[in-house]
Amino acid sequence: MTKTSTIFHIVDKRFHALSSDGQRIMIDGEAIAKTGMSPMDLLLNAVGSCAAFDIVEMIKKKRLNINSYKIELTGTRPDAVPAPYTHIHAKHIFDVEGLKQKTAERFVDLGMNKYCSVAASLRAEISFEVVLENNQSK
């Protein structure tokens, strides 16, 4: 399976991303009047929500009702360039009647460390190509 996305520059550090299935999101690195999350904020939230998708499914398979579920994420980055996350901590907070601590811990471990494609993608090989349109220099 191959996924595609196109990111369009709007102005300065403001972009509009369009997925192959027509979903749109603003990505914004501006200091003021932000219109969207920064790329690193998106990555942090993607890790948490990716795990949550699977965790919710595991809870449903146990036939338990979710009253509330939230994930508080903390990402640690150095003051350097590049500044990748060196540690991501996810605090999963459940209000699910009948969910036992050990079961919740197992679900979160599976969701975060086994099933989360976003976390696994942080180890992906990255390649690129460059295309210059209307290039006048030779």
Protein backbone atom coordinates (compact mmCIF):
# COMPACT_ATOMS: atom_id res chain seq x y z
CA MET A 1 0.00 0.00 0.00
CA THR A 2 1.33 3.42 -0.95
CA LYS A 3 0.03 6.66 0.55
CA THR A 4 0.52 10.05 -1.07
CA SER A 5 0.17 13.62 0.10
CA THR A 6 0.91 17.00 -1.45
CA ILE A 7 2.04 19.99 0.56
CA PHE A 8 1.47 23.45 -0.93
CA HIS A 9 3.41 26.53 0.20
CA ILE A 10 1.15 29.45 1.08
CA VAL A 11 3.53 32.07 2.53
CA ASP A 12 6.68 32.00 4.67
CA LYS A 13 6.35 28.96 7.01
CA ARG A 14 2.65 28.35 6.28
CA PHE A 15 1.56 25.32 4.25
CA HIS A 16 -1.57 23.46 3.22
CA ALA A 17 -1.39 19.66 3.00
CA LEU A 18 -3.75 17.56 0.90
CA SER A 19 -3.92 13.78 1.27
CA SER A 20 -4.71 11.44 -1.59
CA ASP A 21 -8.19 10.89 -0.16
CA GLY A 22 -8.97 14.62 -0.12
CA GLN A 23 -8.33 15.43 3.54
CA ARG A 24 -6.77 18.82 4.25
CA ILE A 25 -4.76 20.27 7.11
CA MET A 26 -2.92 23.50 7.75
CA ILE A 27 0.71 23.23 8.83
CA ASP A 28 2.17 26.37 10.34
CA GLY A 29 5.59 27.27 11.67
CA GLU A 30 4.89 30.99 12.06
CA ALA A 31 5.47 32.62 15.45
CA ILE A 32 2.21 34.60 15.48
CA ALA A 33 -1.29 34.19 14.04
CA LYS A 34 -0.83 30.45 13.64
CA THR A 35 -3.36 28.64 11.45
CA GLY A 36 -2.28 25.07 12.20
CA MET A 37 0.11 22.84 14.10
CA SER A 38 3.83 22.76 13.44
CA PRO A 39 5.26 19.64 11.79
CA MET A 40 6.73 18.45 15.10
CA ASP A 41 3.40 19.00 16.91
CA LEU A 42 1.69 16.98 14.18
CA LEU A 43 4.24 14.18 14.63
CA LEU A 44 3.75 14.10 18.40
CA ASN A 45 -0.03 13.97 18.02
CA ALA A 46 0.24 11.38 15.24
CA VAL A 47 2.15 9.00 17.52
CA GLY A 48 -0.46 9.29 20.27
CA SER A 49 -3.53 9.08 18.06
CA CYS A 50 -2.11 6.18 16.03
CA ALA A 51 -1.69 4.13 19.21
CA ALA A 52 -5.11 5.25 20.44
CA PHE A 53 -6.85 3.87 17.34
CA ASP A 54 -5.66 0.36 18.21
CA ILE A 55 -6.18 0.78 21.95
CA VAL A 56 -9.81 1.78 21.40
CA GLU A 57 -10.32 -1.31 19.23
CA MET A 58 -8.84 -3.56 21.93
CA ILE A 59 -11.16 -2.03 24.54
CA LYS A 60 -14.15 -2.56 22.23
CA LYS A 61 -13.19 -6.24 21.75
CA LYS A 62 -13.40 -6.61 25.54
CA ARG A 63 -16.94 -5.18 25.23
CA LEU A 64 -16.15 -2.31 27.56
CA ASN A 65 -17.64 1.17 27.22
CA ILE A 66 -15.34 4.16 27.06
CA ASN A 67 -16.66 7.03 29.18
CA SER A 68 -13.56 9.08 28.40
CA TYR A 69 -10.04 8.51 27.18
CA LYS A 70 -7.30 11.05 26.65
CA ILE A 71 -3.58 10.99 26.06
CA GLU A 72 -1.27 13.65 27.42
CA LEU A 73 1.87 13.72 25.28
CA THR A 74 5.27 15.17 26.14
CA GLY A 75 8.02 15.26 23.56
CA THR A 76 11.60 16.11 24.53
CA ARG A 77 13.81 17.76 21.90
CA PRO A 78 17.30 19.25 22.09
CA ASP A 79 18.02 22.90 21.34
CA ALA A 80 19.85 22.04 18.13
CA VAL A 81 19.40 21.63 14.40
CA PRO A 82 17.97 19.18 13.65
CA ALA A 83 15.90 18.86 16.82
CA PRO A 84 14.31 15.40 16.70
CA TYR A 85 12.29 14.00 19.55
CA THR A 86 14.72 12.14 21.77
CA HIS A 87 11.97 10.96 24.10
CA ILE A 88 8.19 10.81 23.81
CA HIS A 89 6.11 10.16 26.91
CA ALA A 90 2.41 9.34 26.56
CA LYS A 91 0.18 9.35 29.64
CA HIS A 92 -3.01 7.41 28.77
CA ILE A 93 -5.91 8.36 31.05
CA PHE A 94 -8.94 6.06 30.91
CA ASP A 95 -12.42 6.19 32.37
CA VAL A 96 -13.55 2.73 31.33
CA GLU A 97 -15.61 0.76 33.79
CA GLY A 98 -14.23 -2.76 34.20
CA LEU A 99 -10.82 -1.99 32.65
CA LYS A 100 -8.11 -3.41 34.91
CA GLN A 101 -4.70 -1.75 35.33
CA LYS A 102 -2.77 -4.73 33.94
CA THR A 103 -5.06 -4.98 30.89
CA ALA A 104 -4.79 -1.24 30.23
CA GLU A 105 -0.99 -1.43 30.47
CA ARG A 106 -0.94 -4.34 28.01
CA PHE A 107 -3.21 -2.49 25.57
CA VAL A 108 -1.10 0.67 25.75
CA ASP A 109 2.14 -1.29 25.31
CA LEU A 110 0.74 -3.06 22.24
CA GLY A 111 -0.68 0.18 20.83
CA MET A 112 2.46 2.25 21.37
CA ASN A 113 5.17 -0.32 20.67
CA LYS A 114 3.74 -2.99 18.38
CA TYR A 115 0.82 -1.70 16.31
CA CYS A 116 1.57 2.03 15.89
CA SER A 117 2.69 2.57 12.31
CA VAL A 118 3.63 6.19 13.05
CA ALA A 119 6.11 5.19 15.78
CA ALA A 120 7.53 2.50 13.51
CA SER A 121 7.82 5.08 10.70
CA LEU A 122 10.22 7.14 12.79
CA ARG A 123 12.78 4.49 11.78
CA ALA A 124 11.91 4.69 8.06
CA GLU A 125 14.47 5.15 5.32
CA ILE A 126 13.87 8.51 3.63
CA SER A 127 14.70 9.23 0.00
CA PHE A 128 14.08 12.32 -2.15
CA GLU A 129 14.26 13.80 -5.62
CA VAL A 130 14.37 17.39 -6.86
CA VAL A 131 12.47 18.88 -9.82
CA LEU A 132 13.06 22.48 -10.92
CA GLU A 133 10.20 24.00 -12.92
CA ASN A 134 10.80 27.03 -15.16
CA ASN A 135 14.50 26.94 -14.39
CA GLN A 136 16.23 29.55 -16.58
CA SER A 137 19.81 28.84 -15.50
CA LYS A 138 21.80 26.15 -17.27
